[in-house]
């Protein structure tokens, strides 16, 4: 493998650096770019509804509740599916739209990343892998939903809400505690 191929496959997103811009298609086929949301806190959520760890946060209502509450606070929430065509978790946009509605997804946009370009730019490894971008476009969080890497719904209440804490800090313009931690979940199906 050439050194250029290695460099091209490395994640571009680093804590404390500008988040790499991207453009993806939402489930209505509209183009959505990160740069459309300058001046806003943006949350990126890697998603695959068939992953038990994602199911934990959707079936409990935890993820939709967080999405709704932060979207109401003018946070932009982008749910992203990077499953390649033919891979587990991939679906046609209209099928995914129905599934997102059934699961209660409250994101600003649900984006298809079939090529994996967005996921690879951020180094998204699992679903749900979470990222927070500050109002000034800096990546301030890369990690897990919370501190308990289980599929048990009952663990949500006693877990440290790492993502929630990061979003709150970003909204207040404060430094995020524990800005990079180990995300847990199912591998992204690039």
N, C-alpha and C. Protein backbone atom coordinates (compact mmCIF):
# COMPACT_ATOMS: atom_id res chain seq x y z
N UNK A 1 0.85 -1.18 0.00
CA UNK A 1 0.00 0.00 0.00
C UNK A 1 0.89 1.24 0.00
N UNK A 2 0.54 2.20 -0.82
CA UNK A 2 1.34 3.42 -0.89
C UNK A 2 1.07 4.29 0.33
N UNK A 3 2.02 5.17 0.70
CA UNK A 3 1.78 6.05 1.85
C UNK A 3 0.58 6.96 1.62
N UNK A 4 0.27 7.27 0.36
CA UNK A 4 -0.88 8.13 0.08
C UNK A 4 -2.18 7.40 0.41
N UNK A 5 -2.24 6.11 0.15
CA UNK A 5 -3.44 5.34 0.45
C UNK A 5 -3.65 5.27 1.96
N UNK A 6 -2.58 5.15 2.71
CA UNK A 6 -2.69 5.12 4.17
C UNK A 6 -3.21 6.45 4.67
N UNK A 7 -2.65 7.54 4.16
CA UNK A 7 -3.07 8.86 4.57
C UNK A 7 -4.54 9.09 4.21
N UNK A 8 -4.94 8.67 3.03
CA UNK A 8 -6.32 8.87 2.58
C UNK A 8 -7.31 8.09 3.43
N UNK A 9 -6.89 6.99 4.01
CA UNK A 9 -7.81 6.18 4.79
C UNK A 9 -7.85 6.60 6.26
N UNK A 10 -6.95 7.48 6.69
CA UNK A 10 -6.93 7.93 8.07
C UNK A 10 -8.05 8.93 8.32
N UNK A 11 -8.57 8.93 9.54
CA UNK A 11 -9.59 9.89 9.90
C UNK A 11 -9.01 11.30 9.85
N UNK A 12 -9.80 12.23 9.38
CA UNK A 12 -9.36 13.61 9.29
C UNK A 12 -9.79 14.43 10.50
N UNK A 13 -10.78 13.95 11.21
CA UNK A 13 -11.35 14.70 12.32
C UNK A 13 -10.54 14.49 13.59
N UNK A 14 -10.10 15.60 14.18
CA UNK A 14 -9.33 15.55 15.42
C UNK A 14 -9.91 16.53 16.42
N UNK A 15 -9.96 16.12 17.68
CA UNK A 15 -10.44 17.00 18.75
C UNK A 15 -9.63 18.30 18.74
N UNK A 16 -10.34 19.42 18.84
CA UNK A 16 -9.70 20.72 18.89
C UNK A 16 -9.34 21.29 17.53
N UNK A 17 -9.66 20.56 16.47
CA UNK A 17 -9.39 21.02 15.10
C UNK A 17 -10.73 21.25 14.38
N UNK A 18 -10.71 22.03 13.29
CA UNK A 18 -11.95 22.20 12.54
C UNK A 18 -12.47 20.86 12.04
N UNK A 19 -13.76 20.65 12.20
CA UNK A 19 -14.38 19.42 11.70
C UNK A 19 -14.35 19.43 10.18
N UNK A 20 -14.02 18.30 9.55
CA UNK A 20 -14.01 18.27 8.09
C UNK A 20 -15.41 18.50 7.53
N UNK A 21 -15.51 19.38 6.54
CA UNK A 21 -16.81 19.64 5.93
C UNK A 21 -17.20 18.42 5.09
N UNK A 22 -18.47 18.25 4.91
CA UNK A 22 -18.97 17.15 4.09
C UNK A 22 -20.33 17.53 3.54
N UNK A 23 -20.74 16.83 2.52
CA UNK A 23 -22.08 16.96 1.97
C UNK A 23 -22.63 15.56 1.80
N UNK A 24 -23.84 15.36 2.27
CA UNK A 24 -24.52 14.08 2.12
C UNK A 24 -25.95 14.31 1.70
N UNK A 25 -26.62 13.25 1.32
CA UNK A 25 -28.03 13.33 0.92
C UNK A 25 -28.89 12.87 2.09
N UNK A 26 -29.93 13.66 2.39
CA UNK A 26 -30.87 13.22 3.41
C UNK A 26 -31.86 12.24 2.79
N UNK A 27 -32.80 11.75 3.56
CA UNK A 27 -33.71 10.71 3.09
C UNK A 27 -34.70 11.22 2.05
N UNK A 28 -34.76 12.55 1.86
CA UNK A 28 -35.61 13.14 0.82
C UNK A 28 -34.81 13.40 -0.45
N UNK A 29 -33.50 13.06 -0.42
CA UNK A 29 -32.65 13.27 -1.58
C UNK A 29 -32.04 14.66 -1.65
N UNK A 30 -32.22 15.47 -0.61
CA UNK A 30 -31.68 16.82 -0.58
C UNK A 30 -30.23 16.80 -0.09
N UNK A 31 -29.41 17.68 -0.66
CA UNK A 31 -28.02 17.79 -0.20
C UNK A 31 -27.97 18.58 1.09
N UNK A 32 -27.19 18.06 2.04
CA UNK A 32 -26.99 18.70 3.34
C UNK A 32 -25.49 18.74 3.58
N UNK A 33 -24.97 19.94 3.85
CA UNK A 33 -23.54 20.11 4.12
C UNK A 33 -23.34 20.58 5.55
N UNK A 34 -22.26 20.13 6.15
CA UNK A 34 -21.93 20.59 7.50
C UNK A 34 -21.81 22.11 7.51
N UNK A 35 -21.23 22.68 6.45
CA UNK A 35 -21.03 24.13 6.39
C UNK A 35 -22.35 24.91 6.37
N UNK A 36 -23.48 24.24 6.12
CA UNK A 36 -24.79 24.89 6.18
C UNK A 36 -25.13 25.35 7.60
N UNK A 37 -24.43 24.79 8.58
CA UNK A 37 -24.81 25.00 9.98
C UNK A 37 -23.78 25.79 10.78
N UNK A 38 -23.04 26.66 10.09
CA UNK A 38 -22.06 27.51 10.79
C UNK A 38 -22.75 28.28 11.89
N UNK A 39 -22.07 28.38 13.04
CA UNK A 39 -22.61 29.12 14.16
C UNK A 39 -23.53 28.32 15.05
N UNK A 40 -23.71 27.03 14.75
CA UNK A 40 -24.58 26.16 15.56
C UNK A 40 -23.77 24.98 16.09
N UNK A 41 -24.19 24.47 17.22
CA UNK A 41 -23.64 23.22 17.72
C UNK A 41 -24.26 22.11 16.86
N UNK A 42 -23.41 21.17 16.42
CA UNK A 42 -23.87 20.07 15.57
C UNK A 42 -23.49 18.75 16.23
N UNK A 43 -24.44 17.83 16.28
CA UNK A 43 -24.20 16.48 16.79
C UNK A 43 -24.26 15.53 15.59
N UNK A 44 -23.27 14.64 15.50
CA UNK A 44 -23.27 13.58 14.49
C UNK A 44 -23.47 12.26 15.21
N UNK A 45 -24.43 11.49 14.76
CA UNK A 45 -24.76 10.19 15.36
C UNK A 45 -24.67 9.12 14.28
N UNK A 46 -23.74 8.19 14.42
CA UNK A 46 -23.69 7.07 13.47
C UNK A 46 -24.73 6.05 13.89
N UNK A 47 -25.50 5.57 12.91
CA UNK A 47 -26.69 4.79 13.20
C UNK A 47 -26.81 3.55 12.34
N UNK A 48 -27.30 2.50 12.97
CA UNK A 48 -27.74 1.27 12.31
C UNK A 48 -28.80 0.70 13.24
N UNK A 49 -30.07 0.83 12.88
CA UNK A 49 -31.16 0.47 13.77
C UNK A 49 -31.15 -1.00 14.18
N UNK A 50 -30.43 -1.86 13.44
CA UNK A 50 -30.40 -3.28 13.77
C UNK A 50 -29.33 -3.62 14.81
N UNK A 51 -28.51 -2.66 15.18
CA UNK A 51 -27.47 -2.89 16.19
C UNK A 51 -28.11 -2.88 17.59
N UNK A 52 -27.83 -3.89 18.42
CA UNK A 52 -28.41 -3.94 19.76
C UNK A 52 -28.08 -2.72 20.63
N UNK A 53 -26.92 -2.12 20.42
CA UNK A 53 -26.54 -0.93 21.20
C UNK A 53 -27.36 0.28 20.77
N UNK A 54 -27.65 0.38 19.48
CA UNK A 54 -28.53 1.44 18.98
C UNK A 54 -29.94 1.18 19.49
N UNK A 55 -30.37 -0.08 19.43
CA UNK A 55 -31.71 -0.44 19.92
C UNK A 55 -31.88 -0.03 21.37
N UNK A 56 -30.84 -0.21 22.19
CA UNK A 56 -30.89 0.18 23.60
C UNK A 56 -31.31 1.65 23.73
N UNK A 57 -30.70 2.50 22.94
CA UNK A 57 -30.94 3.94 23.09
C UNK A 57 -32.20 4.42 22.38
N UNK A 58 -32.69 3.66 21.39
CA UNK A 58 -33.95 4.03 20.73
C UNK A 58 -35.14 3.40 21.43
N UNK A 59 -35.08 2.10 21.74
CA UNK A 59 -36.21 1.41 22.38
C UNK A 59 -36.54 2.03 23.73
N UNK A 60 -35.54 2.52 24.43
CA UNK A 60 -35.75 3.15 25.73
C UNK A 60 -36.30 4.57 25.60
N UNK A 61 -36.20 5.12 24.38
CA UNK A 61 -36.60 6.51 24.16
C UNK A 61 -35.48 7.49 24.44
N UNK A 62 -34.33 7.01 24.90
CA UNK A 62 -33.22 7.88 25.26
C UNK A 62 -32.73 8.73 24.08
N UNK A 63 -32.45 8.10 22.94
CA UNK A 63 -31.92 8.84 21.79
C UNK A 63 -32.96 9.83 21.25
N UNK A 64 -34.20 9.39 20.97
CA UNK A 64 -35.18 10.37 20.48
C UNK A 64 -35.41 11.54 21.45
N UNK A 65 -35.40 11.26 22.75
CA UNK A 65 -35.59 12.32 23.75
C UNK A 65 -34.45 13.33 23.68
N UNK A 66 -33.21 12.83 23.60
CA UNK A 66 -32.06 13.73 23.48
C UNK A 66 -32.14 14.54 22.19
N UNK A 67 -32.44 13.86 21.08
CA UNK A 67 -32.55 14.55 19.79
C UNK A 67 -33.57 15.68 19.88
N UNK A 68 -34.75 15.37 20.34
CA UNK A 68 -35.83 16.35 20.41
C UNK A 68 -35.45 17.52 21.32
N UNK A 69 -34.93 17.21 22.50
CA UNK A 69 -34.64 18.29 23.45
C UNK A 69 -33.54 19.21 22.92
N UNK A 70 -32.53 18.67 22.24
CA UNK A 70 -31.45 19.53 21.74
C UNK A 70 -31.82 20.23 20.44
N UNK A 71 -32.59 19.60 19.58
CA UNK A 71 -33.05 20.28 18.37
C UNK A 71 -33.91 21.49 18.78
N UNK A 72 -34.69 21.34 19.84
CA UNK A 72 -35.48 22.47 20.36
C UNK A 72 -34.60 23.59 20.90
N UNK A 73 -33.35 23.27 21.23
CA UNK A 73 -32.39 24.28 21.71
C UNK A 73 -31.51 24.79 20.57
N UNK A 74 -31.93 24.54 19.32
CA UNK A 74 -31.25 25.01 18.12
C UNK A 74 -29.95 24.26 17.81
N UNK A 75 -29.81 23.07 18.37
CA UNK A 75 -28.70 22.20 18.02
C UNK A 75 -29.10 21.46 16.74
N UNK A 76 -28.16 21.29 15.82
CA UNK A 76 -28.41 20.52 14.61
C UNK A 76 -27.97 19.08 14.89
N UNK A 77 -28.86 18.14 14.69
CA UNK A 77 -28.56 16.72 14.95
C UNK A 77 -28.62 15.98 13.62
N UNK A 78 -27.50 15.41 13.23
CA UNK A 78 -27.43 14.67 11.97
C UNK A 78 -27.20 13.19 12.28
N UNK A 79 -28.18 12.37 12.00
CA UNK A 79 -28.05 10.93 12.12
C UNK A 79 -27.50 10.44 10.78
N UNK A 80 -26.47 9.60 10.83
CA UNK A 80 -25.79 9.18 9.60
C UNK A 80 -25.71 7.66 9.54
N UNK A 81 -26.08 7.12 8.37
CA UNK A 81 -25.97 5.69 8.14
C UNK A 81 -24.88 5.48 7.08
N UNK A 82 -23.77 4.86 7.48
CA UNK A 82 -22.65 4.62 6.56
C UNK A 82 -22.59 3.18 6.07
N UNK A 83 -23.67 2.42 6.22
CA UNK A 83 -23.67 1.04 5.73
C UNK A 83 -23.61 1.04 4.21
N UNK A 84 -22.66 0.30 3.67
CA UNK A 84 -22.50 0.20 2.21
C UNK A 84 -23.68 -0.55 1.61
N UNK A 85 -23.94 -0.27 0.34
CA UNK A 85 -25.01 -0.98 -0.36
C UNK A 85 -24.71 -2.48 -0.30
N UNK A 86 -25.72 -3.24 0.09
CA UNK A 86 -25.56 -4.69 0.22
C UNK A 86 -25.11 -5.13 1.60
N UNK A 87 -24.67 -4.19 2.43
CA UNK A 87 -24.20 -4.53 3.78
C UNK A 87 -25.37 -4.44 4.76
N UNK A 88 -25.23 -5.15 5.88
CA UNK A 88 -26.24 -5.13 6.93
C UNK A 88 -26.45 -3.68 7.38
N UNK A 89 -27.71 -3.27 7.55
CA UNK A 89 -28.03 -1.92 7.98
C UNK A 89 -28.35 -0.96 6.84
N UNK A 90 -27.98 -1.35 5.61
CA UNK A 90 -28.28 -0.49 4.45
C UNK A 90 -29.73 -0.71 4.04
N UNK A 91 -30.36 0.38 3.63
CA UNK A 91 -31.72 0.30 3.10
C UNK A 91 -31.90 1.45 2.12
N UNK A 92 -32.91 1.34 1.28
CA UNK A 92 -33.25 2.44 0.38
C UNK A 92 -33.77 3.60 1.22
N UNK A 93 -33.59 4.83 0.76
CA UNK A 93 -34.01 5.99 1.55
C UNK A 93 -35.46 5.93 2.04
N UNK A 94 -36.39 5.50 1.17
CA UNK A 94 -37.79 5.46 1.59
C UNK A 94 -38.02 4.42 2.69
N UNK A 95 -37.30 3.30 2.64
CA UNK A 95 -37.41 2.27 3.68
C UNK A 95 -36.79 2.78 4.98
N UNK A 96 -35.65 3.45 4.85
CA UNK A 96 -34.98 3.99 6.04
C UNK A 96 -35.81 5.10 6.67
N UNK A 97 -36.49 5.89 5.86
CA UNK A 97 -37.35 6.95 6.39
C UNK A 97 -38.47 6.35 7.24
N UNK A 98 -39.07 5.26 6.76
CA UNK A 98 -40.13 4.58 7.52
C UNK A 98 -39.57 4.02 8.83
N UNK A 99 -38.38 3.44 8.75
CA UNK A 99 -37.76 2.85 9.95
C UNK A 99 -37.40 3.94 10.95
N UNK A 100 -36.86 5.05 10.45
CA UNK A 100 -36.49 6.16 11.34
C UNK A 100 -37.73 6.70 12.06
N UNK A 101 -38.83 6.81 11.33
CA UNK A 101 -40.08 7.29 11.95
C UNK A 101 -40.56 6.29 13.00
N UNK A 102 -40.53 4.99 12.66
CA UNK A 102 -40.96 3.94 13.58
C UNK A 102 -40.12 3.95 14.86
N UNK A 103 -38.82 4.19 14.71
CA UNK A 103 -37.91 4.18 15.87
C UNK A 103 -37.97 5.48 16.67
N UNK A 104 -38.64 6.49 16.12
CA UNK A 104 -38.79 7.75 16.85
C UNK A 104 -37.68 8.76 16.61
N UNK A 105 -36.89 8.56 15.55
CA UNK A 105 -35.79 9.47 15.26
C UNK A 105 -36.30 10.91 15.14
N UNK A 106 -35.66 11.82 15.88
CA UNK A 106 -36.05 13.23 15.92
C UNK A 106 -34.93 14.13 15.40
N UNK A 107 -34.01 13.57 14.65
CA UNK A 107 -32.85 14.34 14.16
C UNK A 107 -33.29 15.42 13.18
N UNK A 108 -32.44 16.42 13.03
CA UNK A 108 -32.67 17.47 12.05
C UNK A 108 -32.69 16.86 10.65
N UNK A 109 -31.72 15.99 10.37
CA UNK A 109 -31.64 15.26 9.10
C UNK A 109 -31.10 13.86 9.37
N UNK A 110 -31.54 12.91 8.57
CA UNK A 110 -30.97 11.56 8.56
C UNK A 110 -30.26 11.45 7.22
N UNK A 111 -28.94 11.25 7.25
CA UNK A 111 -28.13 11.24 6.03
C UNK A 111 -27.70 9.83 5.64
N UNK A 112 -27.67 9.60 4.33
CA UNK A 112 -27.15 8.36 3.76
C UNK A 112 -25.69 8.61 3.38
N UNK A 113 -24.81 7.73 3.82
CA UNK A 113 -23.37 7.82 3.52
C UNK A 113 -22.92 6.48 2.96
N UNK A 114 -23.57 6.03 1.91
CA UNK A 114 -23.33 4.70 1.34
C UNK A 114 -21.87 4.50 0.95
N UNK A 115 -21.20 5.57 0.50
CA UNK A 115 -19.79 5.46 0.11
C UNK A 115 -18.88 5.34 1.33
N UNK A 116 -19.38 5.74 2.49
CA UNK A 116 -18.57 5.72 3.71
C UNK A 116 -17.64 6.91 3.84
N UNK A 117 -17.70 7.87 2.93
CA UNK A 117 -16.77 9.00 2.95
C UNK A 117 -16.89 9.84 4.21
N UNK A 118 -18.12 10.11 4.65
CA UNK A 118 -18.31 10.93 5.85
C UNK A 118 -17.81 10.16 7.07
N UNK A 119 -18.22 8.91 7.18
CA UNK A 119 -17.81 8.09 8.31
C UNK A 119 -16.30 7.96 8.43
N UNK A 120 -15.65 7.76 7.29
CA UNK A 120 -14.19 7.61 7.31
C UNK A 120 -13.49 8.93 7.63
N UNK A 121 -14.05 10.04 7.18
CA UNK A 121 -13.46 11.35 7.49
C UNK A 121 -13.47 11.60 8.99
N UNK A 122 -14.49 11.09 9.68
CA UNK A 122 -14.59 11.28 11.13
C UNK A 122 -14.02 10.11 11.91
N UNK A 123 -13.70 9.03 11.23
CA UNK A 123 -13.20 7.86 11.94
C UNK A 123 -14.29 7.15 12.71
N UNK A 124 -15.53 7.21 12.22
CA UNK A 124 -16.65 6.54 12.89
C UNK A 124 -16.42 5.04 12.84
N UNK A 125 -16.39 4.43 14.01
CA UNK A 125 -16.07 3.01 14.12
C UNK A 125 -17.28 2.13 14.40
N UNK A 126 -18.21 2.66 15.18
CA UNK A 126 -19.34 1.84 15.66
C UNK A 126 -20.64 2.63 15.57
N UNK A 127 -21.73 1.90 15.77
CA UNK A 127 -23.03 2.55 15.93
C UNK A 127 -23.53 2.24 17.33
N UNK A 128 -23.82 3.25 18.14
CA UNK A 128 -23.74 4.68 17.85
C UNK A 128 -22.38 5.27 18.22
N UNK A 129 -21.70 5.88 17.28
CA UNK A 129 -20.47 6.66 17.54
C UNK A 129 -20.92 8.11 17.45
N UNK A 130 -20.59 8.90 18.45
CA UNK A 130 -21.12 10.25 18.57
C UNK A 130 -20.01 11.30 18.46
N UNK A 131 -20.33 12.39 17.80
CA UNK A 131 -19.40 13.51 17.65
C UNK A 131 -20.16 14.80 17.92
N UNK A 132 -19.47 15.79 18.51
CA UNK A 132 -20.06 17.11 18.73
C UNK A 132 -19.12 18.14 18.13
N UNK A 133 -19.72 19.06 17.38
CA UNK A 133 -18.98 20.15 16.75
C UNK A 133 -19.47 21.46 17.37
N UNK A 134 -18.55 22.29 17.81
CA UNK A 134 -18.90 23.55 18.47
C UNK A 134 -19.41 24.58 17.48
N UNK A 135 -19.94 25.68 18.01
CA UNK A 135 -20.47 26.76 17.17
C UNK A 135 -19.41 27.33 16.23
N UNK A 136 -18.14 27.24 16.64
CA UNK A 136 -17.07 27.77 15.77
C UNK A 136 -16.49 26.70 14.85
N UNK A 137 -17.16 25.55 14.73
CA UNK A 137 -16.78 24.52 13.77
C UNK A 137 -15.70 23.56 14.22
N UNK A 138 -15.33 23.62 15.50
CA UNK A 138 -14.29 22.72 16.03
C UNK A 138 -14.91 21.42 16.54
N UNK A 139 -14.20 20.32 16.30
CA UNK A 139 -14.63 19.04 16.85
C UNK A 139 -14.28 19.05 18.34
N UNK A 140 -15.31 18.91 19.19
CA UNK A 140 -15.08 18.98 20.63
C UNK A 140 -15.41 17.67 21.35
N UNK A 141 -16.01 16.71 20.63
CA UNK A 141 -16.33 15.42 21.26
C UNK A 141 -16.29 14.32 20.23
N UNK A 142 -15.71 13.19 20.62
CA UNK A 142 -15.61 11.99 19.79
C UNK A 142 -15.68 10.81 20.75
N UNK A 143 -16.84 10.14 20.79
CA UNK A 143 -16.92 9.02 21.71
C UNK A 143 -18.28 8.38 21.84
N UNK A 144 -18.53 7.89 23.05
CA UNK A 144 -19.70 7.08 23.37
C UNK A 144 -20.90 7.93 23.80
N UNK A 145 -22.05 7.31 23.78
CA UNK A 145 -23.28 7.92 24.31
C UNK A 145 -23.14 8.14 25.81
N UNK A 146 -22.63 7.11 26.48
CA UNK A 146 -22.54 7.16 27.94
C UNK A 146 -21.43 6.23 28.41
N UNK A 147 -21.31 6.07 29.71
CA UNK A 147 -20.19 5.33 30.28
C UNK A 147 -20.42 3.83 30.43
N UNK A 148 -21.58 3.33 30.07
CA UNK A 148 -21.86 1.89 30.25
C UNK A 148 -22.07 1.21 28.91
N UNK A 149 -21.06 0.46 28.50
CA UNK A 149 -21.07 -0.19 27.18
C UNK A 149 -21.82 -1.52 27.22
N UNK A 150 -23.11 -1.42 27.53
CA UNK A 150 -23.95 -2.61 27.57
C UNK A 150 -25.16 -2.40 26.65
N UNK A 151 -25.92 -3.46 26.44
CA UNK A 151 -27.16 -3.35 25.68
C UNK A 151 -28.37 -3.30 26.62
N UNK A 152 -28.14 -3.16 27.91
CA UNK A 152 -29.22 -3.15 28.90
C UNK A 152 -29.79 -1.75 29.07
N UNK A 153 -31.08 -1.63 28.77
CA UNK A 153 -31.77 -0.35 28.91
C UNK A 153 -31.65 0.19 30.33
N UNK A 154 -31.72 -0.70 31.31
CA UNK A 154 -31.68 -0.26 32.71
C UNK A 154 -30.35 0.39 33.11
N UNK A 155 -29.31 0.21 32.29
CA UNK A 155 -28.01 0.83 32.60
C UNK A 155 -27.95 2.31 32.22
N UNK A 156 -28.89 2.77 31.41
CA UNK A 156 -28.85 4.17 30.97
C UNK A 156 -28.96 5.13 32.15
N UNK A 157 -29.87 4.86 33.06
CA UNK A 157 -30.12 5.77 34.18
C UNK A 157 -28.90 5.96 35.08
N UNK A 158 -28.08 4.92 35.25
CA UNK A 158 -26.94 5.01 36.16
C UNK A 158 -25.62 5.33 35.45
N UNK A 159 -25.67 5.45 34.14
CA UNK A 159 -24.44 5.74 33.37
C UNK A 159 -24.14 7.24 33.40
N UNK A 160 -22.88 7.59 33.26
CA UNK A 160 -22.50 8.99 33.08
C UNK A 160 -22.89 9.37 31.65
N UNK A 161 -23.70 10.42 31.48
CA UNK A 161 -24.18 10.80 30.14
C UNK A 161 -23.13 11.60 29.37
N UNK A 162 -22.13 10.92 28.87
CA UNK A 162 -20.99 11.58 28.23
C UNK A 162 -21.40 12.50 27.09
N UNK A 163 -22.27 12.03 26.20
CA UNK A 163 -22.70 12.85 25.08
C UNK A 163 -23.48 14.07 25.57
N UNK A 164 -24.43 13.87 26.44
CA UNK A 164 -25.24 14.98 26.96
C UNK A 164 -24.33 16.03 27.60
N UNK A 165 -23.37 15.59 28.39
CA UNK A 165 -22.44 16.52 29.03
C UNK A 165 -21.66 17.31 27.99
N UNK A 166 -21.26 16.64 26.91
CA UNK A 166 -20.49 17.30 25.85
C UNK A 166 -21.33 18.35 25.13
N UNK A 167 -22.57 18.02 24.82
CA UNK A 167 -23.44 18.97 24.13
C UNK A 167 -23.69 20.18 25.03
N UNK A 168 -23.97 19.93 26.30
CA UNK A 168 -24.22 21.03 27.23
C UNK A 168 -23.00 21.96 27.31
N UNK A 169 -21.81 21.37 27.40
CA UNK A 169 -20.59 22.19 27.45
C UNK A 169 -20.43 23.01 26.17
N UNK A 170 -20.68 22.39 25.02
CA UNK A 170 -20.56 23.09 23.74
C UNK A 170 -21.56 24.25 23.66
N UNK A 171 -22.77 24.04 24.13
CA UNK A 171 -23.78 25.10 24.12
C UNK A 171 -23.37 26.27 25.00
N UNK A 172 -22.67 25.96 26.10
CA UNK A 172 -22.23 26.99 27.04
C UNK A 172 -20.88 27.59 26.66
N UNK A 173 -20.27 27.07 25.58
CA UNK A 173 -18.96 27.57 25.16
C UNK A 173 -17.83 27.16 26.10
N UNK A 174 -18.04 26.06 26.83
CA UNK A 174 -17.05 25.57 27.78
C UNK A 174 -16.29 24.38 27.18
N UNK A 175 -15.15 24.08 27.79
CA UNK A 175 -14.38 22.90 27.37
C UNK A 175 -15.16 21.64 27.75
N UNK A 176 -15.09 20.64 26.89
CA UNK A 176 -15.76 19.37 27.13
C UNK A 176 -14.85 18.49 27.97
N UNK A 177 -15.39 17.97 29.08
CA UNK A 177 -14.65 16.99 29.88
C UNK A 177 -14.68 15.66 29.13
N UNK A 178 -13.57 14.94 29.16
CA UNK A 178 -13.49 13.63 28.51
C UNK A 178 -13.91 13.72 27.04
N UNK A 179 -13.26 14.61 26.26
CA UNK A 179 -13.69 14.85 24.88
C UNK A 179 -13.46 13.70 23.91
N UNK A 180 -12.53 12.81 24.24
CA UNK A 180 -12.29 11.65 23.38
C UNK A 180 -12.29 10.42 24.27
N UNK A 181 -13.23 9.54 24.01
CA UNK A 181 -13.31 8.30 24.78
C UNK A 181 -13.72 7.17 23.84
N UNK A 182 -13.69 5.98 24.36
CA UNK A 182 -13.95 4.79 23.54
C UNK A 182 -15.43 4.63 23.26
N UNK A 183 -15.85 4.77 22.00
CA UNK A 183 -17.26 4.52 21.69
C UNK A 183 -17.53 3.02 21.75
N UNK A 184 -18.77 2.67 22.01
CA UNK A 184 -19.13 1.25 22.02
C UNK A 184 -20.30 1.03 21.08
N UNK A 185 -20.39 -0.18 20.54
CA UNK A 185 -21.50 -0.52 19.66
C UNK A 185 -21.10 -1.56 18.65
N UNK A 186 -21.84 -1.60 17.54
CA UNK A 186 -21.59 -2.53 16.44
C UNK A 186 -20.74 -1.85 15.41
N UNK A 187 -19.82 -2.56 14.79
CA UNK A 187 -18.96 -1.97 13.77
C UNK A 187 -19.74 -1.37 12.62
N UNK A 188 -19.31 -0.20 12.16
CA UNK A 188 -19.91 0.43 10.98
C UNK A 188 -19.65 -0.49 9.79
N UNK A 189 -20.66 -0.74 9.00
CA UNK A 189 -20.58 -1.70 7.89
C UNK A 189 -20.15 -1.02 6.59
N UNK A 190 -18.89 -0.54 6.57
CA UNK A 190 -18.35 0.08 5.36
C UNK A 190 -18.24 -0.96 4.28
